[in-house]
Each structure stands twice: as C-alpha cells, then as structure tokens.
C-alpha cells in the first residue's frame, strides 16, 4: 500500500459521516409562511418613496447653501 491510497477515507467511514443535517427544519414550517403579504410591500414602498423625497430635498438645500457659505467665508 502506498501513501496516497492509505490517506483515502474508507467507504464505510465516509457513508457514516453526516454531510448536511437536513432534518433541522421543523415539520410544521412551510415556505409559504416566509412570503410577506401585499400590505407589507405597499407600506415598504410608501416609506421608501417618502425617504427618497426627503433625501432629494435635503440635497437641494445643501447644494444651495454650500455656495452661500463659501462666499460668505471667502
């Protein structure tokens, strides 16, 4: 027997080891429970739209005030 063949795991040992424990998910859990309803998506999109509008307004204010502050200080 050479060194390479002695390092190979035996078939019985490889089959007895657990590669992935797929039984960890509870049996009462369904993939449909993970899907959010439409009200959650509508609320999320409303909040994102309001936040985007607020960010655009804040950027506009900063772009107007930055040159004013620069000319006052120079």
PDB file of N, CA and C in Angstrom:
ATOM      1  N   UNK A   1       0.829  -1.163   0.000  1.00  0.00           N
ATOM      2  CA  UNK A   1       0.000   0.000   0.000  1.00  0.00           C
ATOM      3  C   UNK A   1       0.887   1.245   0.000  1.00  0.00           C
ATOM      4  N   UNK A   2       0.599   2.195  -0.873  1.00  0.00           N
ATOM      5  CA  UNK A   2       1.395   3.416  -0.918  1.00  0.00           C
ATOM      6  C   UNK A   2       0.759   4.503  -0.042  1.00  0.00           C
ATOM      7  N   UNK A   3       1.405   5.656   0.028  1.00  0.00           N
ATOM      8  CA  UNK A   3       0.920   6.717   0.932  1.00  0.00           C
ATOM      9  C   UNK A   3      -0.408   7.300   0.477  1.00  0.00           C
ATOM     10  N   UNK A   4      -0.612   7.441  -0.815  1.00  0.00           N
ATOM     11  CA  UNK A   4      -1.844   8.053  -1.319  1.00  0.00           C
ATOM     12  C   UNK A   4      -3.042   7.167  -1.011  1.00  0.00           C
ATOM     13  N   UNK A   5      -2.941   5.889  -1.258  1.00  0.00           N
ATOM     14  CA  UNK A   5      -4.079   5.015  -1.001  1.00  0.00           C
ATOM     15  C   UNK A   5      -4.345   4.861   0.493  1.00  0.00           C
ATOM     16  N   UNK A   6      -3.349   5.058   1.322  1.00  0.00           N
ATOM     17  CA  UNK A   6      -3.593   4.947   2.752  1.00  0.00           C
ATOM     18  C   UNK A   6      -4.304   6.177   3.306  1.00  0.00           C
ATOM     19  N   UNK A   7      -4.242   7.297   2.586  1.00  0.00           N
ATOM     20  CA  UNK A   7      -4.902   8.525   3.059  1.00  0.00           C
ATOM     21  C   UNK A   7      -6.360   8.608   2.627  1.00  0.00           C
ATOM     22  N   UNK A   8      -6.781   7.808   1.692  1.00  0.00           N
ATOM     23  CA  UNK A   8      -8.157   7.852   1.229  1.00  0.00           C
ATOM     24  C   UNK A   8      -9.076   7.344   2.338  1.00  0.00           C
ATOM     25  N   UNK A   9     -10.189   8.029   2.569  1.00  0.00           N
ATOM     26  CA  UNK A   9     -11.117   7.522   3.580  1.00  0.00           C
ATOM     27  C   UNK A   9     -11.804   6.261   3.090  1.00  0.00           C
ATOM     28  N   UNK A  10     -12.122   5.404   3.974  1.00  0.00           N
ATOM     29  CA  UNK A  10     -12.818   4.179   3.610  1.00  0.00           C
ATOM     30  C   UNK A  10     -14.268   4.510   3.303  1.00  0.00           C
ATOM     31  N   UNK A  11     -14.869   3.735   2.451  1.00  0.00           N
ATOM     32  CA  UNK A  11     -16.234   3.993   2.017  1.00  0.00           C
ATOM     33  C   UNK A  11     -17.195   3.918   3.194  1.00  0.00           C
ATOM     34  N   UNK A  12     -17.011   2.984   4.068  1.00  0.00           N
ATOM     35  CA  UNK A  12     -17.908   2.856   5.214  1.00  0.00           C
ATOM     36  C   UNK A  12     -17.811   4.068   6.136  1.00  0.00           C
ATOM     37  N   UNK A  13     -16.622   4.592   6.341  1.00  0.00           N
ATOM     38  CA  UNK A  13     -16.465   5.774   7.192  1.00  0.00           C
ATOM     39  C   UNK A  13     -17.087   7.003   6.547  1.00  0.00           C
ATOM     40  N   UNK A  14     -16.936   7.169   5.234  1.00  0.00           N
ATOM     41  CA  UNK A  14     -17.488   8.324   4.538  1.00  0.00           C
ATOM     42  C   UNK A  14     -19.013   8.283   4.547  1.00  0.00           C
ATOM     43  N   UNK A  15     -19.579   7.110   4.427  1.00  0.00           N
ATOM     44  CA  UNK A  15     -21.029   7.000   4.404  1.00  0.00           C
ATOM     45  C   UNK A  15     -21.639   7.222   5.785  1.00  0.00           C
ATOM     46  N   UNK A  16     -20.891   6.965   6.814  1.00  0.00           N
ATOM     47  CA  UNK A  16     -21.448   7.126   8.150  1.00  0.00           C
ATOM     48  C   UNK A  16     -21.389   8.566   8.650  1.00  0.00           C
ATOM     49  N   UNK A  17     -20.552   9.417   8.010  1.00  0.00           N
ATOM     50  CA  UNK A  17     -20.465  10.815   8.428  1.00  0.00           C
ATOM     51  C   UNK A  17     -21.627  11.617   7.865  1.00  0.00           C
ATOM     52  N   UNK A  18     -22.140  12.555   8.640  1.00  0.00           N
ATOM     53  CA  UNK A  18     -23.243  13.398   8.198  1.00  0.00           C
ATOM     54  C   UNK A  18     -22.654  14.598   7.463  1.00  0.00           C
ATOM     55  N   UNK A  19     -23.036  14.792   6.211  1.00  0.00           N
ATOM     56  CA  UNK A  19     -22.541  15.925   5.430  1.00  0.00           C
ATOM     57  C   UNK A  19     -23.406  17.156   5.669  1.00  0.00           C
ATOM     58  N   UNK A  20     -24.704  16.970   5.762  1.00  0.00           N
ATOM     59  CA  UNK A  20     -25.617  18.087   5.940  1.00  0.00           C
ATOM     60  C   UNK A  20     -26.840  17.569   6.691  1.00  0.00           C
ATOM     61  N   UNK A  21     -27.187  18.240   7.747  1.00  0.00           N
ATOM     62  CA  UNK A  21     -28.330  17.809   8.540  1.00  0.00           C
ATOM     63  C   UNK A  21     -29.576  18.507   8.010  1.00  0.00           C
ATOM     64  N   UNK A  22     -30.292  17.864   7.133  1.00  0.00           N
ATOM     65  CA  UNK A  22     -31.484  18.451   6.537  1.00  0.00           C
ATOM     66  C   UNK A  22     -32.717  18.296   7.409  1.00  0.00           C
ATOM     67  N   UNK A  23     -32.592  17.615   8.506  1.00  0.00           N
ATOM     68  CA  UNK A  23     -33.732  17.410   9.375  1.00  0.00           C
ATOM     69  C   UNK A  23     -33.846  18.482  10.448  1.00  0.00           C
ATOM     70  N   UNK A  24     -33.124  19.593  10.306  1.00  0.00           N
ATOM     71  CA  UNK A  24     -33.163  20.639  11.322  1.00  0.00           C
ATOM     72  C   UNK A  24     -34.364  21.564  11.164  1.00  0.00           C
ATOM     73  N   UNK A  25     -35.055  21.523  10.019  1.00  0.00           N
ATOM     74  CA  UNK A  25     -36.231  22.362   9.789  1.00  0.00           C
ATOM     75  C   UNK A  25     -37.431  21.698  10.458  1.00  0.00           C
ATOM     76  N   UNK A  26     -38.196  22.458  11.238  1.00  0.00           N
ATOM     77  CA  UNK A  26     -39.380  21.861  11.871  1.00  0.00           C
ATOM     78  C   UNK A  26     -40.381  21.381  10.827  1.00  0.00           C
ATOM     79  N   UNK A  27     -41.100  20.362  11.147  1.00  0.00           N
ATOM     80  CA  UNK A  27     -42.027  19.779  10.174  1.00  0.00           C
ATOM     81  C   UNK A  27     -43.241  20.670   9.936  1.00  0.00           C
ATOM     82  N   UNK A  28     -43.586  21.555  10.862  1.00  0.00           N
ATOM     83  CA  UNK A  28     -44.741  22.428  10.698  1.00  0.00           C
ATOM     84  C   UNK A  28     -44.441  23.685   9.916  1.00  0.00           C
ATOM     85  N   UNK A  29     -43.206  23.895   9.512  1.00  0.00           N
ATOM     86  CA  UNK A  29     -42.800  25.109   8.806  1.00  0.00           C
ATOM     87  C   UNK A  29     -43.068  24.948   7.310  1.00  0.00           C
ATOM     88  N   UNK A  30     -43.607  25.994   6.704  1.00  0.00           N
ATOM     89  CA  UNK A  30     -43.880  25.970   5.277  1.00  0.00           C
ATOM     90  C   UNK A  30     -43.184  27.149   4.619  1.00  0.00           C
ATOM     91  N   UNK A  31     -42.813  27.011   3.365  1.00  0.00           N
ATOM     92  CA  UNK A  31     -42.181  28.103   2.622  1.00  0.00           C
ATOM     93  C   UNK A  31     -43.172  29.235   2.408  1.00  0.00           C
ATOM     94  N   UNK A  32     -44.454  28.928   2.396  1.00  0.00           N
ATOM     95  CA  UNK A  32     -45.467  29.959   2.203  1.00  0.00           C
ATOM     96  C   UNK A  32     -45.554  30.896   3.403  1.00  0.00           C
ATOM     97  N   UNK A  33     -45.098  30.456   4.573  1.00  0.00           N
ATOM     98  CA  UNK A  33     -45.101  31.324   5.745  1.00  0.00           C
ATOM     99  C   UNK A  33     -44.061  32.434   5.634  1.00  0.00           C
ATOM    100  N   UNK A  34     -43.056  32.241   4.815  1.00  0.00           N
ATOM    101  CA  UNK A  34     -41.987  33.227   4.670  1.00  0.00           C
ATOM    102  C   UNK A  34     -42.336  34.347   3.701  1.00  0.00           C
ATOM    103  N   UNK A  35     -43.353  34.172   2.872  1.00  0.00           N
ATOM    104  CA  UNK A  35     -43.740  35.170   1.888  1.00  0.00           C
ATOM    105  C   UNK A  35     -44.604  36.220   2.575  1.00  0.00           C
ATOM    106  N   UNK A  36     -44.223  37.488   2.426  1.00  0.00           N
ATOM    107  CA  UNK A  36     -44.972  38.581   3.049  1.00  0.00           C
ATOM    108  C   UNK A  36     -46.228  38.873   2.229  1.00  0.00           C
ATOM    109  N   UNK A  37     -47.211  39.454   2.887  1.00  0.00           N
ATOM    110  CA  UNK A  37     -48.436  39.801   2.169  1.00  0.00           C
ATOM    111  C   UNK A  37     -48.258  41.141   1.453  1.00  0.00           C
ATOM    112  N   UNK A  38     -49.248  41.524   0.641  1.00  0.00           N
ATOM    113  CA  UNK A  38     -49.134  42.719  -0.193  1.00  0.00           C
ATOM    114  C   UNK A  38     -49.128  43.997   0.632  1.00  0.00           C
ATOM    115  N   UNK A  39     -49.754  43.997   1.801  1.00  0.00           N
ATOM    116  CA  UNK A  39     -49.782  45.200   2.631  1.00  0.00           C
ATOM    117  C   UNK A  39     -48.381  45.576   3.092  1.00  0.00           C
ATOM    118  N   UNK A  40     -47.565  44.588   3.377  1.00  0.00           N
ATOM    119  CA  UNK A  40     -46.191  44.868   3.796  1.00  0.00           C
ATOM    120  C   UNK A  40     -45.393  45.513   2.662  1.00  0.00           C
ATOM    121  N   UNK A  41     -45.587  45.040   1.440  1.00  0.00           N
ATOM    122  CA  UNK A  41     -44.871  45.614   0.302  1.00  0.00           C
ATOM    123  C   UNK A  41     -45.335  47.041   0.033  1.00  0.00           C
ATOM    124  N   UNK A  42     -46.630  47.294   0.155  1.00  0.00           N
ATOM    125  CA  UNK A  42     -47.151  48.645  -0.078  1.00  0.00           C
ATOM    126  C   UNK A  42     -46.618  49.609   0.973  1.00  0.00           C
ATOM    127  N   UNK A  43     -46.578  49.173   2.218  1.00  0.00           N
ATOM    128  CA  UNK A  43     -46.060  50.028   3.283  1.00  0.00           C
ATOM    129  C   UNK A  43     -44.574  50.306   3.089  1.00  0.00           C
ATOM    130  N   UNK A  44     -43.835  49.299   2.706  1.00  0.00           N
ATOM    131  CA  UNK A  44     -42.399  49.460   2.463  1.00  0.00           C
ATOM    132  C   UNK A  44     -42.138  50.424   1.309  1.00  0.00           C
ATOM    133  N   UNK A  45     -42.912  50.326   0.243  1.00  0.00           N
ATOM    134  CA  UNK A  45     -42.696  51.222  -0.899  1.00  0.00           C
ATOM    135  C   UNK A  45     -43.085  52.654  -0.557  1.00  0.00           C
ATOM    136  N   UNK A  46     -44.133  52.844   0.259  1.00  0.00           N
ATOM    137  CA  UNK A  46     -44.503  54.207   0.674  1.00  0.00           C
ATOM    138  C   UNK A  46     -43.400  54.846   1.509  1.00  0.00           C
ATOM    139  N   UNK A  47     -42.860  54.077   2.440  1.00  0.00           N
ATOM    140  CA  UNK A  47     -41.780  54.620   3.279  1.00  0.00           C
ATOM    141  C   UNK A  47     -40.535  54.922   2.453  1.00  0.00           C
ATOM    142  N   UNK A  48     -40.218  54.072   1.489  1.00  0.00           N
ATOM    143  CA  UNK A  48     -39.041  54.302   0.648  1.00  0.00           C
ATOM    144  C   UNK A  48     -39.231  55.540  -0.223  1.00  0.00           C
ATOM    145  N   UNK A  49     -40.435  55.734  -0.723  1.00  0.00           N
ATOM    146  CA  UNK A  49     -40.704  56.916  -1.549  1.00  0.00           C
ATOM    147  C   UNK A  49     -40.593  58.195  -0.727  1.00  0.00           C
ATOM    148  N   UNK A  50     -41.158  58.186   0.480  1.00  0.00           N
ATOM    149  CA  UNK A  50     -41.056  59.370   1.344  1.00  0.00           C
ATOM    150  C   UNK A  50     -39.612  59.673   1.711  1.00  0.00           C
ATOM    151  N   UNK A  51     -38.846  58.645   2.025  1.00  0.00           N
ATOM    152  CA  UNK A  51     -37.441  58.844   2.379  1.00  0.00           C
ATOM    153  C   UNK A  51     -36.653  59.368   1.184  1.00  0.00           C
ATOM    154  N   UNK A  52     -36.941  58.873  -0.010  1.00  0.00           N
ATOM    155  CA  UNK A  52     -36.260  59.357  -1.213  1.00  0.00           C
ATOM    156  C   UNK A  52     -36.559  60.820  -1.480  1.00  0.00           C
ATOM    157  N   UNK A  53     -37.809  61.226  -1.306  1.00  0.00           N
ATOM    158  CA  UNK A  53     -38.175  62.635  -1.493  1.00  0.00           C
ATOM    159  C   UNK A  53     -37.472  63.504  -0.470  1.00  0.00           C
ATOM    160  N   UNK A  54     -37.416  63.062   0.781  1.00  0.00           N
ATOM    161  CA  UNK A  54     -36.736  63.829   1.826  1.00  0.00           C
ATOM    162  C   UNK A  54     -35.245  63.967   1.525  1.00  0.00           C
ATOM    163  N   UNK A  55     -34.628  62.926   1.001  1.00  0.00           N
ATOM    164  CA  UNK A  55     -33.196  62.983   0.672  1.00  0.00           C
ATOM    165  C   UNK A  55     -32.946  63.945  -0.482  1.00  0.00           C
ATOM    166  N   UNK A  56     -33.811  63.942  -1.487  1.00  0.00           N
ATOM    167  CA  UNK A  56     -33.652  64.867  -2.615  1.00  0.00           C
ATOM    168  C   UNK A  56     -33.801  66.312  -2.144  1.00  0.00           C
ATOM    169  N   UNK A  57     -34.754  66.580  -1.270  1.00  0.00           N
ATOM    170  CA  UNK A  57     -34.941  67.938  -0.748  1.00  0.00           C
ATOM    171  C   UNK A  57     -33.729  68.361   0.079  1.00  0.00           C
ATOM    172  N   UNK A  58     -33.211  67.470   0.906  1.00  0.00           N
ATOM    173  CA  UNK A  58     -32.033  67.803   1.721  1.00  0.00           C
ATOM    174  C   UNK A  58     -30.817  68.058   0.833  1.00  0.00           C
ATOM    175  N   UNK A  59     -30.659  67.284  -0.226  1.00  0.00           N
ATOM    176  CA  UNK A  59     -29.542  67.520  -1.143  1.00  0.00           C
ATOM    177  C   UNK A  59     -29.677  68.868  -1.835  1.00  0.00           C
ATOM    178  N   UNK A  60     -30.883  69.238  -2.223  1.00  0.00           N
ATOM    179  CA  UNK A  60     -31.102  70.536  -2.875  1.00  0.00           C
ATOM    180  C   UNK A  60     -30.779  71.682  -1.926  1.00  0.00           C
ATOM    181  N   UNK A  61     -31.182  71.558  -0.679  1.00  0.00           N
ATOM    182  CA  UNK A  61     -30.882  72.598   0.306  1.00  0.00           C
ATOM    183  C   UNK A  61     -29.373  72.724   0.511  1.00  0.00           C
ATOM    184  N   UNK A  62     -28.687  71.602   0.602  1.00  0.00           N
ATOM    185  CA  UNK A  62     -27.227  71.640   0.775  1.00  0.00           C
ATOM    186  C   UNK A  62     -26.537  72.233  -0.451  1.00  0.00           C
ATOM    187  N   UNK A  63     -27.025  71.940  -1.645  1.00  0.00           N
ATOM    188  CA  UNK A  63     -26.419  72.491  -2.851  1.00  0.00           C
ATOM    189  C   UNK A  63     -26.660  73.994  -2.966  1.00  0.00           C
ATOM    190  N   UNK A  64     -27.733  74.486  -2.392  1.00  0.00           N
ATOM    191  CA  UNK A  64     -27.998  75.927  -2.398  1.00  0.00           C
ATOM    192  C   UNK A  64     -27.183  76.623  -1.313  1.00  0.00           C
ATOM    193  N   UNK A  65     -27.106  76.028  -0.129  1.00  0.00           N
ATOM    194  CA  UNK A  65     -26.430  76.678   0.992  1.00  0.00           C
ATOM    195  C   UNK A  65     -24.909  76.586   0.926  1.00  0.00           C
ATOM    196  N   UNK A  66     -24.366  75.568   0.303  1.00  0.00           N
ATOM    197  CA  UNK A  66     -22.910  75.405   0.264  1.00  0.00           C
ATOM    198  C   UNK A  66     -22.214  76.570  -0.443  1.00  0.00           C
ATOM    199  N   UNK A  67     -22.661  77.027  -1.623  1.00  0.00           N
ATOM    200  CA  UNK A  67     -22.005  78.188  -2.233  1.00  0.00           C
ATOM    201  C   UNK A  67     -22.188  79.473  -1.429  1.00  0.00           C
ATOM    202  N   UNK A  68     -23.339  79.613  -0.783  1.00  0.00           N
ATOM    203  CA  UNK A  68     -23.583  80.805   0.035  1.00  0.00           C
ATOM    204  C   UNK A  68     -22.598  80.848   1.201  1.00  0.00           C
ATOM    205  N   UNK A  69     -22.408  79.739   1.864  1.00  0.00           N
ATOM    206  CA  UNK A  69     -21.469  79.678   2.980  1.00  0.00           C
ATOM    207  C   UNK A  69     -20.046  79.904   2.476  1.00  0.00           C
ATOM    208  N   UNK A  70     -19.728  79.366   1.322  1.00  0.00           N
ATOM    209  CA  UNK A  70     -18.382  79.533   0.759  1.00  0.00           C
ATOM    210  C   UNK A  70     -18.099  81.015   0.478  1.00  0.00           C
ATOM    211  N   UNK A  71     -19.050  81.711  -0.163  1.00  0.00           N
ATOM    212  CA  UNK A  71     -18.827  83.126  -0.490  1.00  0.00           C
ATOM    213  C   UNK A  71     -18.823  84.015   0.750  1.00  0.00           C
ATOM    214  N   UNK A  72     -19.558  83.635   1.763  1.00  0.00           N
ATOM    215  CA  UNK A  72     -19.539  84.411   2.998  1.00  0.00           C
ATOM    216  C   UNK A  72     -18.190  84.267   3.706  1.00  0.00           C
ATOM    217  N   UNK A  73     -17.631  83.081   3.685  1.00  0.00           N
ATOM    218  CA  UNK A  73     -16.357  82.854   4.384  1.00  0.00           C
ATOM    219  C   UNK A  73     -15.151  83.373   3.581  1.00  0.00           C
ATOM    220  N   UNK A  74     -15.283  83.495   2.273  1.00  0.00           N
ATOM    221  CA  UNK A  74     -14.143  83.952   1.460  1.00  0.00           C
ATOM    222  C   UNK A  74     -14.256  85.395   1.270  1.00  0.00           C
TER     223      UNK A  74
END
